[in-house]
Amino acid sequence: MKVEIWSDVMCPFCYIGKRKFENALSKFPYKDKIEVIWKSFQLDPTTITNPKLNTIDYLAEKKGWSKQQAQETTDYVTNMARQVGLEFNFDKAVVANSLDAHRLLHLAKKYGKQNEVEEKLFEAYFTDGKNTADHFTLLQIGKELDIDEAEIMGVFNNQAYSDEIKQDIIEGQKIGVRGVPFFLLDGKYVISGAQESEIFLQALMKSHSEFQISHKTKMMNVDDQKICGSDGCDKTI
């Protein structure tokens, strides 16, 4: 059964949601029957990569906030991440356009290593403060997972997977993706946001029990929250 996840590298709730989903999947008795597919979504395609600007300063500048307001907001998300075992360092997270990171993610699908690449991209951005638009950074991530170096550089040099990224975004728009993370289970059950693991587990159990029976998209009865959109993340970012 397929679970498709729309996300962006610079979305904190996407990383938190990934971990919560994985916690649920670890308790799911048929986890080896689940195929996870990562889909591209760009919170802001116009973002200009600036290695000299960290996320806190970027938020303050973009939102017209004081630096203290930006710090308090990111502290809130950092504490939420800590609850699922993640370390966020917004003070050194580099503001970067995510397009080339999504290209690497699509290449990783060919190697069956999308989930591993997504994890390393999130870690590079939120924990290690690496520039995830930098080709050397992306090359190192790919090489660590035994993805061919020449093929990675060929993707960047030829602007490969641009159509696939656009298709992901268009597909998402058709099914109602307005913010990320966005989970589509078996093409019919939708969960929006970094929900609790129990909700993911319930959805996995229900969708799997109906696998091969129904393929009509349905919305799970949960509140939309803890998502990132073009205006920011959740109600606070």
C-alpha atoms as a PDB file:
ATOM      1  CA  MET A   1       0.000   0.000   0.000  1.00  0.00           C
ATOM      2  CA  LYS A   2       1.299   3.443  -0.920  1.00  0.00           C
ATOM      3  CA  VAL A   3       1.658   6.351   1.459  1.00  0.00           C
ATOM      4  CA  GLU A   4       2.479   9.561  -0.420  1.00  0.00           C
ATOM      5  CA  ILE A   5       3.854  12.501   1.543  1.00  0.00           C
ATOM      6  CA  TRP A   6       4.068  16.065   0.260  1.00  0.00           C
ATOM      7  CA  SER A   7       6.749  18.065   2.069  1.00  0.00           C
ATOM      8  CA  ASP A   8       9.457  20.693   1.791  1.00  0.00           C
ATOM      9  CA  VAL A   9      12.970  20.549   3.198  1.00  0.00           C
ATOM     10  CA  MET A  10      12.600  23.890   4.991  1.00  0.00           C
ATOM     11  CA  CYS A  11       9.304  22.928   6.687  1.00  0.00           C
ATOM     12  CA  PRO A  12       9.850  22.139  10.399  1.00  0.00           C
ATOM     13  CA  PHE A  13       6.500  20.409  10.798  1.00  0.00           C
ATOM     14  CA  CYS A  14       7.400  18.140   7.882  1.00  0.00           C
ATOM     15  CA  TYR A  15      10.379  16.794   9.823  1.00  0.00           C
ATOM     16  CA  ILE A  16       8.320  16.471  12.997  1.00  0.00           C
ATOM     17  CA  GLY A  17       5.506  14.835  11.035  1.00  0.00           C
ATOM     18  CA  LYS A  18       7.952  12.413   9.436  1.00  0.00           C
ATOM     19  CA  ARG A  19       9.128  11.257  12.836  1.00  0.00           C
ATOM     20  CA  LYS A  20       5.598  10.928  14.219  1.00  0.00           C
ATOM     21  CA  PHE A  21       4.534   8.938  11.164  1.00  0.00           C
ATOM     22  CA  GLU A  22       7.589   6.677  11.513  1.00  0.00           C
ATOM     23  CA  ASN A  23       6.757   6.098  15.182  1.00  0.00           C
ATOM     24  CA  ALA A  24       3.294   4.971  14.120  1.00  0.00           C
ATOM     25  CA  LEU A  25       4.659   2.827  11.308  1.00  0.00           C
ATOM     26  CA  SER A  26       6.971   1.020  13.736  1.00  0.00           C
ATOM     27  CA  LYS A  27       3.876  -0.185  15.618  1.00  0.00           C
ATOM     28  CA  PHE A  28       1.965  -1.151  12.476  1.00  0.00           C
ATOM     29  CA  PRO A  29       1.917  -4.944  12.025  1.00  0.00           C
ATOM     30  CA  TYR A  30       2.087  -4.689   8.216  1.00  0.00           C
ATOM     31  CA  LYS A  31       4.797  -2.040   8.005  1.00  0.00           C
ATOM     32  CA  ASP A  32       6.785  -4.093   5.508  1.00  0.00           C
ATOM     33  CA  LYS A  33       3.811  -3.798   3.126  1.00  0.00           C
ATOM     34  CA  ILE A  34       3.896   0.018   3.123  1.00  0.00           C
ATOM     35  CA  GLU A  35       5.618   1.921   0.303  1.00  0.00           C
ATOM     36  CA  VAL A  36       6.436   5.504   1.297  1.00  0.00           C
ATOM     37  CA  ILE A  37       6.741   7.976  -1.591  1.00  0.00           C
ATOM     38  CA  TRP A  38       7.946  11.528  -1.020  1.00  0.00           C
ATOM     39  CA  LYS A  39       6.352  14.254  -3.133  1.00  0.00           C
ATOM     40  CA  SER A  40       7.688  17.747  -3.800  1.00  0.00           C
ATOM     41  CA  PHE A  41       6.149  20.931  -2.432  1.00  0.00           C
ATOM     42  CA  GLN A  42       7.867  24.318  -2.247  1.00  0.00           C
ATOM     43  CA  LEU A  43       6.706  26.666   0.488  1.00  0.00           C
ATOM     44  CA  ASP A  44       8.231  29.586  -1.392  1.00  0.00           C
ATOM     45  CA  PRO A  45       9.692  28.895  -4.858  1.00  0.00           C
ATOM     46  CA  THR A  46      11.000  32.490  -4.946  1.00  0.00           C
ATOM     47  CA  THR A  47      13.265  32.031  -1.926  1.00  0.00           C
ATOM     48  CA  ILE A  48      16.755  33.324  -2.620  1.00  0.00           C
ATOM     49  CA  THR A  49      19.486  31.230  -1.041  1.00  0.00           C
ATOM     50  CA  ASN A  50      21.490  33.315   1.430  1.00  0.00           C
ATOM     51  CA  PRO A  51      24.119  31.462   3.498  1.00  0.00           C
ATOM     52  CA  LYS A  52      24.643  34.614   5.573  1.00  0.00           C
ATOM     53  CA  LEU A  53      21.015  34.684   6.750  1.00  0.00           C
ATOM     54  CA  ASN A  54      19.720  32.224   9.340  1.00  0.00           C
ATOM     55  CA  THR A  55      16.085  31.305   9.752  1.00  0.00           C
ATOM     56  CA  ILE A  56      15.483  33.455  12.825  1.00  0.00           C
ATOM     57  CA  ASP A  57      16.714  36.612  11.090  1.00  0.00           C
ATOM     58  CA  TYR A  58      14.827  35.617   7.940  1.00  0.00           C
ATOM     59  CA  LEU A  59      11.540  35.263   9.831  1.00  0.00           C
ATOM     60  CA  ALA A  60      12.039  38.582  11.581  1.00  0.00           C
ATOM     61  CA  GLU A  61      12.755  40.280   8.263  1.00  0.00           C
ATOM     62  CA  LYS A  62       9.962  38.588   6.302  1.00  0.00           C
ATOM     63  CA  LYS A  63       7.261  38.938   8.970  1.00  0.00           C
ATOM     64  CA  GLY A  64       8.271  42.338  10.270  1.00  0.00           C
ATOM     65  CA  TRP A  65       8.850  40.844  13.710  1.00  0.00           C
ATOM     66  CA  SER A  66      11.415  41.712  16.315  1.00  0.00           C
ATOM     67  CA  LYS A  67      14.224  39.218  16.650  1.00  0.00           C
ATOM     68  CA  GLN A  68      12.814  38.285  20.061  1.00  0.00           C
ATOM     69  CA  GLN A  69       9.452  37.402  18.499  1.00  0.00           C
ATOM     70  CA  ALA A  70      11.170  35.252  15.891  1.00  0.00           C
ATOM     71  CA  GLN A  71      13.249  33.585  18.605  1.00  0.00           C
ATOM     72  CA  GLU A  72      10.203  32.796  20.734  1.00  0.00           C
ATOM     73  CA  THR A  73       8.395  31.308  17.747  1.00  0.00           C
ATOM     74  CA  THR A  74      11.282  29.061  16.765  1.00  0.00           C
ATOM     75  CA  ASP A  75      11.773  28.069  20.419  1.00  0.00           C
ATOM     76  CA  TYR A  76       8.193  26.789  20.432  1.00  0.00           C
ATOM     77  CA  VAL A  77       8.831  24.614  17.381  1.00  0.00           C
ATOM     78  CA  THR A  78      12.224  23.508  18.725  1.00  0.00           C
ATOM     79  CA  ASN A  79      10.574  22.243  21.913  1.00  0.00           C
ATOM     80  CA  MET A  80       7.972  20.389  19.855  1.00  0.00           C
ATOM     81  CA  ALA A  81      10.744  18.747  17.818  1.00  0.00           C
ATOM     82  CA  ARG A  82      12.596  17.765  20.977  1.00  0.00           C
ATOM     83  CA  GLN A  83       9.560  15.778  22.122  1.00  0.00           C
ATOM     84  CA  VAL A  84      10.034  13.397  19.188  1.00  0.00           C
ATOM     85  CA  GLY A  85      13.811  13.205  19.549  1.00  0.00           C
ATOM     86  CA  LEU A  86      14.819  15.857  17.000  1.00  0.00           C
ATOM     87  CA  GLU A  87      17.325  18.652  17.449  1.00  0.00           C
ATOM     88  CA  PHE A  88      16.484  21.930  15.733  1.00  0.00           C
ATOM     89  CA  ASN A  89      19.059  24.729  15.505  1.00  0.00           C
ATOM     90  CA  PHE A  90      17.234  27.613  13.873  1.00  0.00           C
ATOM     91  CA  ASP A  91      20.027  30.000  14.804  1.00  0.00           C
ATOM     92  CA  LYS A  92      22.257  28.357  12.204  1.00  0.00           C
ATOM     93  CA  ALA A  93      19.694  27.030   9.707  1.00  0.00           C
ATOM     94  CA  VAL A  94      20.603  28.511   6.296  1.00  0.00           C
ATOM     95  CA  VAL A  95      17.823  30.091   4.260  1.00  0.00           C
ATOM     96  CA  ALA A  96      17.925  28.148   0.984  1.00  0.00           C
ATOM     97  CA  ASN A  97      15.785  27.518  -2.065  1.00  0.00           C
ATOM     98  CA  SER A  98      14.726  23.857  -1.960  1.00  0.00           C
ATOM     99  CA  LEU A  99      14.427  23.154  -5.698  1.00  0.00           C
ATOM    100  CA  ASP A 100      17.704  21.269  -6.118  1.00  0.00           C
ATOM    101  CA  ALA A 101      17.080  19.337  -2.908  1.00  0.00           C
ATOM    102  CA  HIS A 102      13.825  18.134  -4.476  1.00  0.00           C
ATOM    103  CA  ARG A 103      15.743  17.136  -7.606  1.00  0.00           C
ATOM    104  CA  LEU A 104      18.044  14.969  -5.491  1.00  0.00           C
ATOM    105  CA  LEU A 105      14.994  13.467  -3.808  1.00  0.00           C
ATOM    106  CA  HIS A 106      13.533  12.465  -7.175  1.00  0.00           C
ATOM    107  CA  LEU A 107      16.832  10.916  -8.241  1.00  0.00           C
ATOM    108  CA  ALA A 108      16.878   8.980  -4.958  1.00  0.00           C
ATOM    109  CA  LYS A 109      13.565   7.390  -5.902  1.00  0.00           C
ATOM    110  CA  LYS A 110      15.347   5.636  -8.768  1.00  0.00           C
ATOM    111  CA  TYR A 111      17.705   4.102  -6.190  1.00  0.00           C
ATOM    112  CA  GLY A 112      14.948   3.252  -3.714  1.00  0.00           C
ATOM    113  CA  LYS A 113      16.448   5.656  -1.174  1.00  0.00           C
ATOM    114  CA  GLN A 114      13.972   8.512  -0.994  1.00  0.00           C
ATOM    115  CA  ASN A 115      13.297   8.137   2.710  1.00  0.00           C
ATOM    116  CA  GLU A 116      17.007   8.087   3.559  1.00  0.00           C
ATOM    117  CA  VAL A 117      17.696  11.188   1.453  1.00  0.00           C
ATOM    118  CA  GLU A 118      14.725  13.036   2.944  1.00  0.00           C
ATOM    119  CA  GLU A 119      16.005  12.302   6.449  1.00  0.00           C
ATOM    120  CA  LYS A 120      19.483  13.567   5.615  1.00  0.00           C
ATOM    121  CA  LEU A 121      18.100  16.710   3.968  1.00  0.00           C
ATOM    122  CA  PHE A 122      16.047  17.534   7.052  1.00  0.00           C
ATOM    123  CA  GLU A 123      18.994  16.850   9.332  1.00  0.00           C
ATOM    124  CA  ALA A 124      21.300  18.996   7.198  1.00  0.00           C
ATOM    125  CA  TYR A 125      18.877  21.924   7.257  1.00  0.00           C
ATOM    126  CA  PHE A 126      17.454  21.875  10.783  1.00  0.00           C
ATOM    127  CA  THR A 127      20.239  20.293  12.834  1.00  0.00           C
ATOM    128  CA  ASP A 128      23.563  20.814  11.099  1.00  0.00           C
ATOM    129  CA  GLY A 129      23.004  24.259   9.605  1.00  0.00           C
ATOM    130  CA  LYS A 130      24.142  23.201   6.135  1.00  0.00           C
ATOM    131  CA  ASN A 131      23.183  24.985   2.927  1.00  0.00           C
ATOM    132  CA  THR A 132      20.753  22.539   1.325  1.00  0.00           C
ATOM    133  CA  ALA A 133      20.837  24.459  -1.961  1.00  0.00           C
ATOM    134  CA  ASP A 134      24.589  24.015  -2.250  1.00  0.00           C
ATOM    135  CA  HIS A 135      25.499  21.355  -4.785  1.00  0.00           C
ATOM    136  CA  PHE A 136      28.479  20.133  -2.770  1.00  0.00           C
ATOM    137  CA  THR A 137      26.244  19.587   0.271  1.00  0.00           C
ATOM    138  CA  LEU A 138      23.700  17.700  -1.816  1.00  0.00           C
ATOM    139  CA  LEU A 139      26.451  15.719  -3.519  1.00  0.00           C
ATOM    140  CA  GLN A 140      27.809  14.578  -0.171  1.00  0.00           C
ATOM    141  CA  ILE A 141      24.349  13.492   0.964  1.00  0.00           C
ATOM    142  CA  GLY A 142      23.903  11.456  -2.203  1.00  0.00           C
ATOM    143  CA  LYS A 143      27.356   9.900  -2.016  1.00  0.00           C
ATOM    144  CA  GLU A 144      26.798   8.832   1.598  1.00  0.00           C
ATOM    145  CA  LEU A 145      23.897   6.757   0.309  1.00  0.00           C
ATOM    146  CA  ASP A 146      25.844   5.328  -2.636  1.00  0.00           C
ATOM    147  CA  ILE A 147      24.087   7.394  -5.300  1.00  0.00           C
ATOM    148  CA  ASP A 148      26.383   7.859  -8.286  1.00  0.00           C
ATOM    149  CA  GLU A 149      28.305  11.163  -8.101  1.00  0.00           C
ATOM    150  CA  ALA A 150      28.288  11.787 -11.853  1.00  0.00           C
ATOM    151  CA  GLU A 151      24.557  11.153 -12.011  1.00  0.00           C
ATOM    152  CA  ILE A 152      23.908  13.612  -9.184  1.00  0.00           C
ATOM    153  CA  MET A 153      25.898  16.366 -10.895  1.00  0.00           C
ATOM    154  CA  GLY A 154      24.189  15.543 -14.180  1.00  0.00           C
ATOM    155  CA  VAL A 155      20.825  16.172 -12.537  1.00  0.00           C
ATOM    156  CA  PHE A 156      21.931  19.609 -11.357  1.00  0.00           C
ATOM    157  CA  ASN A 157      23.700  20.581 -14.577  1.00  0.00           C
ATOM    158  CA  ASN A 158      20.764  19.573 -16.767  1.00  0.00           C
ATOM    159  CA  GLN A 159      17.989  20.828 -14.466  1.00  0.00           C
ATOM    160  CA  ALA A 160      16.598  17.307 -14.460  1.00  0.00           C
ATOM    161  CA  TYR A 161      13.359  16.326 -12.719  1.00  0.00           C
ATOM    162  CA  SER A 162      11.866  19.796 -13.142  1.00  0.00           C
ATOM    163  CA  ASP A 163       8.779  18.271 -14.783  1.00  0.00           C
ATOM    164  CA  GLU A 164       8.410  15.694 -12.015  1.00  0.00           C
ATOM    165  CA  ILE A 165       8.544  18.405  -9.354  1.00  0.00           C
ATOM    166  CA  LYS A 166       5.904  20.443 -11.178  1.00  0.00           C
ATOM    167  CA  GLN A 167       3.761  17.343 -11.548  1.00  0.00           C
ATOM    168  CA  ASP A 168       3.945  16.665  -7.806  1.00  0.00           C
ATOM    169  CA  ILE A 169       2.811  20.207  -7.080  1.00  0.00           C
ATOM    170  CA  ILE A 170      -0.037  20.059  -9.606  1.00  0.00           C
ATOM    171  CA  GLU A 171      -1.130  16.653  -8.301  1.00  0.00           C
ATOM    172  CA  GLY A 172      -1.091  18.029  -4.781  1.00  0.00           C
ATOM    173  CA  GLN A 173      -3.215  21.019  -5.734  1.00  0.00           C
ATOM    174  CA  LYS A 174      -5.817  18.720  -7.275  1.00  0.00           C
ATOM    175  CA  ILE A 175      -6.278  16.790  -4.036  1.00  0.00           C
ATOM    176  CA  GLY A 176      -6.209  19.844  -1.785  1.00  0.00           C
ATOM    177  CA  VAL A 177      -2.621  20.260  -0.653  1.00  0.00           C
ATOM    178  CA  ARG A 178      -2.447  23.800   0.705  1.00  0.00           C
ATOM    179  CA  GLY A 179       0.219  23.215   3.318  1.00  0.00           C
ATOM    180  CA  VAL A 180       2.658  20.523   4.359  1.00  0.00           C
ATOM    181  CA  PRO A 181       3.177  17.899   5.594  1.00  0.00           C
ATOM    182  CA  PHE A 182       0.326  16.244   3.745  1.00  0.00           C
ATOM    183  CA  PHE A 183      -0.163  12.468   3.842  1.00  0.00           C
ATOM    184  CA  LEU A 184      -2.214  10.473   1.330  1.00  0.00           C
ATOM    185  CA  LEU A 185      -2.800   6.839   2.310  1.00  0.00           C
ATOM    186  CA  ASP A 186      -3.792   4.398  -0.427  1.00  0.00           C
ATOM    187  CA  GLY A 187      -4.985   7.287  -2.570  1.00  0.00           C
ATOM    188  CA  LYS A 188      -8.056   7.872  -0.394  1.00  0.00           C
ATOM    189  CA  TYR A 189      -7.291   8.879   3.193  1.00  0.00           C
ATOM    190  CA  VAL A 190      -5.747  12.264   3.872  1.00  0.00           C
ATOM    191  CA  ILE A 191      -3.989  13.530   6.982  1.00  0.00           C
ATOM    192  CA  SER A 192      -2.878  17.144   7.032  1.00  0.00           C
ATOM    193  CA  GLY A 193      -0.208  18.318   9.447  1.00  0.00           C
ATOM    194  CA  ALA A 194       2.141  16.796  11.989  1.00  0.00           C
ATOM    195  CA  GLN A 195      -0.563  14.883  13.822  1.00  0.00           C
ATOM    196  CA  GLU A 196       0.054  12.598  16.776  1.00  0.00           C
ATOM    197  CA  SER A 197       1.375   9.105  16.093  1.00  0.00           C
ATOM    198  CA  GLU A 198      -1.869   7.553  17.309  1.00  0.00           C
ATOM    199  CA  ILE A 199      -3.777   9.271  14.515  1.00  0.00           C
ATOM    200  CA  PHE A 200      -1.306   8.017  11.918  1.00  0.00           C
ATOM    201  CA  LEU A 201      -1.563   4.499  13.313  1.00  0.00           C
ATOM    202  CA  GLN A 202      -5.371   4.565  13.208  1.00  0.00           C
ATOM    203  CA  ALA A 203      -5.251   5.784   9.621  1.00  0.00           C
ATOM    204  CA  LEU A 204      -2.787   3.063   8.645  1.00  0.00           C
ATOM    205  CA  MET A 205      -4.984   0.378  10.201  1.00  0.00           C
ATOM    206  CA  LYS A 206      -8.154   1.671   8.552  1.00  0.00           C
ATOM    207  CA  SER A 207      -6.691   2.299   5.108  1.00  0.00           C
ATOM    208  CA  HIS A 208      -4.879  -1.026   5.027  1.00  0.00           C
ATOM    209  CA  SER A 209      -8.022  -2.908   6.033  1.00  0.00           C
ATOM    210  CA  GLU A 210      -9.774  -1.358   3.030  1.00  0.00           C
ATOM    211  CA  PHE A 211      -6.817  -1.816   0.702  1.00  0.00           C
ATOM    212  CA  GLN A 212      -7.942  -2.909  -2.784  1.00  0.00           C
ATOM    213  CA  ILE A 213     -11.570  -2.171  -1.911  1.00  0.00           C
ATOM    214  CA  SER A 214     -11.970   1.584  -2.242  1.00  0.00           C
ATOM    215  CA  HIS A 215      -9.893   4.261  -3.997  1.00  0.00           C
ATOM    216  CA  LYS A 216     -11.938   7.329  -3.296  1.00  0.00           C
ATOM    217  CA  THR A 217     -10.158  10.169  -1.492  1.00  0.00           C
ATOM    218  CA  LYS A 218     -11.551  10.821   1.980  1.00  0.00           C
ATOM    219  CA  MET A 219     -10.535  13.343   4.624  1.00  0.00           C
ATOM    220  CA  MET A 220      -9.736  12.000   8.067  1.00  0.00           C
ATOM    221  CA  ASN A 221     -11.690  13.805  10.771  1.00  0.00           C
ATOM    222  CA  VAL A 222      -8.773  15.691  12.326  1.00  0.00           C
ATOM    223  CA  ASP A 223      -8.078  19.371  12.665  1.00  0.00           C
ATOM    224  CA  ASP A 224      -5.679  21.005  10.216  1.00  0.00           C
ATOM    225  CA  GLN A 225      -2.809  22.195  12.356  1.00  0.00           C
ATOM    226  CA  LYS A 226       0.942  22.223  12.581  1.00  0.00           C
ATOM    227  CA  ILE A 227       1.391  22.740   8.853  1.00  0.00           C
ATOM    228  CA  CYS A 228       3.526  25.110   6.817  1.00  0.00           C
ATOM    229  CA  GLY A 229       2.096  27.179   3.972  1.00  0.00           C
ATOM    230  CA  SER A 230       3.067  30.204   1.899  1.00  0.00           C
ATOM    231  CA  ASP A 231       2.179  32.489   4.823  1.00  0.00           C
ATOM    232  CA  GLY A 232       4.266  30.551   7.319  1.00  0.00           C
ATOM    233  CA  CYS A 233       3.907  27.615   9.658  1.00  0.00           C
ATOM    234  CA  ASP A 234       0.844  26.844  11.760  1.00  0.00           C
ATOM    235  CA  LYS A 235      -0.835  29.863  13.357  1.00  0.00           C
ATOM    236  CA  THR A 236       2.380  31.186  14.841  1.00  0.00           C
ATOM    237  CA  ILE A 237       5.156  31.048  12.254  1.00  0.00           C
END
